Amino acid sequence: MIQRIKQVTPLPDYCLSVHFDNGRHVIYDVKEDMHLPGYDALRNVFGLFQQVQLDESRTCVFWNEAIDLPSDTIYEYGKNAS
């Protein structure tokens, strides 16, 4: 079952606060993905990280056409926040 995201909020130090429809709330550390192609823009382009968006299907967060994270990855590897 694909987990749908209810809300995503950028936090300091390249972390995301993510709330899912099922009530789970996680903190996802995006620094662990900085080795992936294109992700260096999150560090090098001022303010880009804070512009995180939720796609229409609510199964992915993204910053631009090259940088995105699927909800399943966030759900599986995020640390419980509450």
N, C-alpha and C. Protein backbone atom coordinates (compact mmCIF):
# COMPACT_ATOMS: atom_id res chain seq x y z
N MET A 1 0.84 -1.18 0.00
CA MET A 1 0.00 0.00 0.00
C MET A 1 0.88 1.25 0.00
N ILE A 2 0.62 2.14 -0.91
CA ILE A 2 1.38 3.38 -1.00
C ILE A 2 0.90 4.33 0.09
N GLN A 3 1.85 4.85 0.86
CA GLN A 3 1.52 5.78 1.92
C GLN A 3 1.33 7.18 1.34
N ARG A 4 0.24 7.81 1.69
CA ARG A 4 -0.04 9.17 1.21
C ARG A 4 0.34 10.20 2.28
N ILE A 5 0.97 11.25 1.81
CA ILE A 5 1.44 12.31 2.69
C ILE A 5 0.34 13.35 2.86
N LYS A 6 0.13 13.73 4.11
CA LYS A 6 -0.85 14.75 4.43
C LYS A 6 -0.21 16.15 4.45
N GLN A 7 1.02 16.21 4.99
CA GLN A 7 1.70 17.50 5.12
C GLN A 7 3.20 17.30 5.17
N VAL A 8 3.95 18.20 4.53
CA VAL A 8 5.41 18.19 4.59
C VAL A 8 5.88 19.59 4.95
N THR A 9 6.84 19.65 5.88
CA THR A 9 7.39 20.93 6.33
C THR A 9 8.91 20.83 6.36
N PRO A 10 9.61 21.77 5.72
CA PRO A 10 11.07 21.76 5.80
C PRO A 10 11.53 22.21 7.19
N LEU A 11 12.56 21.55 7.69
CA LEU A 11 13.14 21.87 8.98
C LEU A 11 14.60 22.28 8.78
N PRO A 12 15.24 22.83 9.80
CA PRO A 12 16.67 23.14 9.68
C PRO A 12 17.50 21.88 9.44
N ASP A 13 18.69 22.08 8.94
CA ASP A 13 19.68 21.02 8.74
C ASP A 13 19.21 19.95 7.74
N TYR A 14 18.45 20.36 6.72
CA TYR A 14 18.01 19.48 5.63
C TYR A 14 17.17 18.28 6.10
N CYS A 15 16.28 18.55 7.02
CA CYS A 15 15.34 17.52 7.47
C CYS A 15 13.92 17.94 7.08
N LEU A 16 13.05 16.95 6.94
CA LEU A 16 11.65 17.19 6.63
C LEU A 16 10.77 16.60 7.74
N SER A 17 9.77 17.34 8.13
CA SER A 17 8.73 16.84 9.01
C SER A 17 7.58 16.40 8.10
N VAL A 18 7.22 15.11 8.18
CA VAL A 18 6.23 14.57 7.25
C VAL A 18 5.11 13.87 8.04
N HIS A 19 3.87 14.31 7.79
CA HIS A 19 2.69 13.69 8.39
C HIS A 19 1.99 12.88 7.30
N PHE A 20 1.65 11.64 7.63
CA PHE A 20 0.96 10.75 6.71
C PHE A 20 -0.52 10.66 7.07
N ASP A 21 -1.32 10.23 6.09
CA ASP A 21 -2.77 10.10 6.30
C ASP A 21 -3.12 9.15 7.44
N ASN A 22 -2.29 8.15 7.68
CA ASN A 22 -2.60 7.17 8.73
C ASN A 22 -2.22 7.66 10.13
N GLY A 23 -1.75 8.92 10.23
CA GLY A 23 -1.42 9.50 11.53
C GLY A 23 0.05 9.44 11.89
N ARG A 24 0.84 8.70 11.15
CA ARG A 24 2.27 8.61 11.45
C ARG A 24 2.95 9.94 11.13
N HIS A 25 3.87 10.35 12.00
CA HIS A 25 4.64 11.58 11.82
C HIS A 25 6.11 11.20 11.93
N VAL A 26 6.88 11.52 10.89
CA VAL A 26 8.30 11.18 10.87
C VAL A 26 9.14 12.42 10.56
N ILE A 27 10.40 12.32 10.94
CA ILE A 27 11.42 13.28 10.53
C ILE A 27 12.33 12.53 9.58
N TYR A 28 12.47 13.06 8.37
CA TYR A 28 13.31 12.43 7.36
C TYR A 28 14.53 13.31 7.11
N ASP A 29 15.72 12.72 7.25
CA ASP A 29 16.98 13.43 7.06
C ASP A 29 17.41 13.34 5.60
N VAL A 30 17.25 14.42 4.87
CA VAL A 30 17.56 14.44 3.44
C VAL A 30 19.07 14.43 3.21
N LYS A 31 19.87 14.79 4.21
CA LYS A 31 21.34 14.76 4.05
C LYS A 31 21.83 13.38 3.64
N GLU A 32 21.13 12.35 4.04
CA GLU A 32 21.51 10.98 3.69
C GLU A 32 21.35 10.71 2.20
N ASP A 33 20.63 11.56 1.49
CA ASP A 33 20.41 11.40 0.05
C ASP A 33 21.25 12.37 -0.79
N MET A 34 22.08 13.17 -0.15
CA MET A 34 22.82 14.22 -0.87
C MET A 34 23.81 13.65 -1.89
N HIS A 35 24.12 12.38 -1.82
CA HIS A 35 25.02 11.76 -2.81
C HIS A 35 24.31 11.45 -4.13
N LEU A 36 22.98 11.52 -4.14
CA LEU A 36 22.22 11.20 -5.34
C LEU A 36 22.35 12.31 -6.37
N PRO A 37 22.25 11.98 -7.66
CA PRO A 37 22.38 12.99 -8.72
C PRO A 37 21.38 14.13 -8.55
N GLY A 38 21.86 15.34 -8.65
CA GLY A 38 21.01 16.52 -8.58
C GLY A 38 20.78 17.06 -7.19
N TYR A 39 20.94 16.23 -6.16
CA TYR A 39 20.63 16.66 -4.80
C TYR A 39 21.57 17.74 -4.28
N ASP A 40 22.76 17.89 -4.89
CA ASP A 40 23.67 18.94 -4.44
C ASP A 40 23.06 20.33 -4.61
N ALA A 41 22.07 20.46 -5.49
CA ALA A 41 21.39 21.74 -5.67
C ALA A 41 20.67 22.16 -4.39
N LEU A 42 20.25 21.22 -3.56
CA LEU A 42 19.59 21.57 -2.31
C LEU A 42 20.52 22.34 -1.39
N ARG A 43 21.81 22.09 -1.49
CA ARG A 43 22.81 22.83 -0.71
C ARG A 43 23.28 24.08 -1.44
N ASN A 44 23.40 23.99 -2.76
CA ASN A 44 24.05 25.05 -3.53
C ASN A 44 23.10 26.15 -4.01
N VAL A 45 21.82 25.90 -4.08
CA VAL A 45 20.86 26.91 -4.52
C VAL A 45 20.16 27.46 -3.29
N PHE A 46 20.45 28.71 -2.98
CA PHE A 46 19.91 29.33 -1.77
C PHE A 46 18.39 29.25 -1.74
N GLY A 47 17.85 28.72 -0.63
CA GLY A 47 16.41 28.69 -0.41
C GLY A 47 15.66 27.54 -1.08
N LEU A 48 16.35 26.75 -1.91
CA LEU A 48 15.65 25.68 -2.63
C LEU A 48 15.06 24.65 -1.67
N PHE A 49 15.79 24.25 -0.65
CA PHE A 49 15.29 23.22 0.25
C PHE A 49 13.96 23.62 0.89
N GLN A 50 13.81 24.89 1.24
CA GLN A 50 12.59 25.37 1.88
C GLN A 50 11.40 25.39 0.92
N GLN A 51 11.65 25.19 -0.36
CA GLN A 51 10.58 25.22 -1.36
C GLN A 51 9.99 23.84 -1.65
N VAL A 52 10.20 22.88 -0.75
CA VAL A 52 9.67 21.53 -0.94
C VAL A 52 8.16 21.58 -1.17
N GLN A 53 7.69 20.73 -2.08
CA GLN A 53 6.27 20.67 -2.43
C GLN A 53 5.79 19.23 -2.41
N LEU A 54 4.51 19.08 -2.28
CA LEU A 54 3.85 17.77 -2.31
C LEU A 54 3.17 17.62 -3.66
N ASP A 55 3.40 16.50 -4.34
CA ASP A 55 2.77 16.32 -5.66
C ASP A 55 1.27 16.06 -5.49
N GLU A 56 0.54 16.16 -6.59
CA GLU A 56 -0.92 16.03 -6.54
C GLU A 56 -1.40 14.69 -6.01
N SER A 57 -0.65 13.63 -6.28
CA SER A 57 -1.05 12.30 -5.81
C SER A 57 -0.76 12.10 -4.33
N ARG A 58 0.02 13.01 -3.74
CA ARG A 58 0.46 12.96 -2.34
C ARG A 58 1.31 11.73 -2.05
N THR A 59 2.01 11.22 -3.07
CA THR A 59 2.89 10.07 -2.89
C THR A 59 4.36 10.44 -3.14
N CYS A 60 4.64 11.73 -3.22
CA CYS A 60 5.99 12.17 -3.52
C CYS A 60 6.15 13.63 -3.09
N VAL A 61 7.33 13.96 -2.56
CA VAL A 61 7.68 15.36 -2.35
C VAL A 61 8.75 15.70 -3.37
N PHE A 62 8.80 16.98 -3.76
CA PHE A 62 9.78 17.36 -4.78
C PHE A 62 10.21 18.81 -4.60
N TRP A 63 11.35 19.11 -5.21
CA TRP A 63 11.87 20.47 -5.20
C TRP A 63 11.92 21.05 -6.61
N ASN A 64 12.22 20.21 -7.56
CA ASN A 64 12.23 20.61 -8.98
C ASN A 64 12.08 19.33 -9.80
N GLU A 65 12.25 19.42 -11.11
CA GLU A 65 12.05 18.23 -11.95
C GLU A 65 13.09 17.14 -11.73
N ALA A 66 14.23 17.51 -11.13
CA ALA A 66 15.32 16.54 -10.95
C ALA A 66 15.39 15.96 -9.54
N ILE A 67 14.75 16.60 -8.58
CA ILE A 67 14.90 16.17 -7.18
C ILE A 67 13.54 15.86 -6.58
N ASP A 68 13.35 14.58 -6.22
CA ASP A 68 12.11 14.18 -5.55
C ASP A 68 12.37 13.00 -4.63
N LEU A 69 11.43 12.77 -3.74
CA LEU A 69 11.49 11.64 -2.81
C LEU A 69 10.12 10.98 -2.75
N PRO A 70 10.05 9.67 -2.97
CA PRO A 70 8.76 8.99 -2.88
C PRO A 70 8.32 8.82 -1.42
N SER A 71 7.03 8.82 -1.22
CA SER A 71 6.49 8.70 0.14
C SER A 71 6.90 7.39 0.81
N ASP A 72 7.02 6.31 0.04
CA ASP A 72 7.42 5.03 0.62
C ASP A 72 8.80 5.09 1.25
N THR A 73 9.73 5.80 0.61
CA THR A 73 11.08 5.95 1.15
C THR A 73 11.04 6.75 2.45
N ILE A 74 10.29 7.83 2.43
CA ILE A 74 10.18 8.67 3.63
C ILE A 74 9.54 7.87 4.76
N TYR A 75 8.50 7.12 4.45
CA TYR A 75 7.79 6.32 5.45
C TYR A 75 8.70 5.25 6.05
N GLU A 76 9.46 4.58 5.21
CA GLU A 76 10.30 3.47 5.68
C GLU A 76 11.52 3.94 6.44
N TYR A 77 12.16 5.03 5.99
CA TYR A 77 13.43 5.44 6.58
C TYR A 77 13.33 6.65 7.52
N GLY A 78 12.17 7.28 7.57
CA GLY A 78 12.00 8.40 8.49
C GLY A 78 11.98 7.93 9.94
N LYS A 79 12.41 8.79 10.83
CA LYS A 79 12.44 8.47 12.26
C LYS A 79 11.15 8.98 12.89
N ASN A 80 10.52 8.14 13.70
CA ASN A 80 9.26 8.53 14.36
C ASN A 80 9.44 9.81 15.13
N ALA A 81 8.52 10.75 14.93
CA ALA A 81 8.60 12.04 15.58
C ALA A 81 7.64 12.16 16.76
N SER A 82 6.63 11.32 16.78
CA SER A 82 5.67 11.39 17.90
C SER A 82 5.11 10.03 18.23
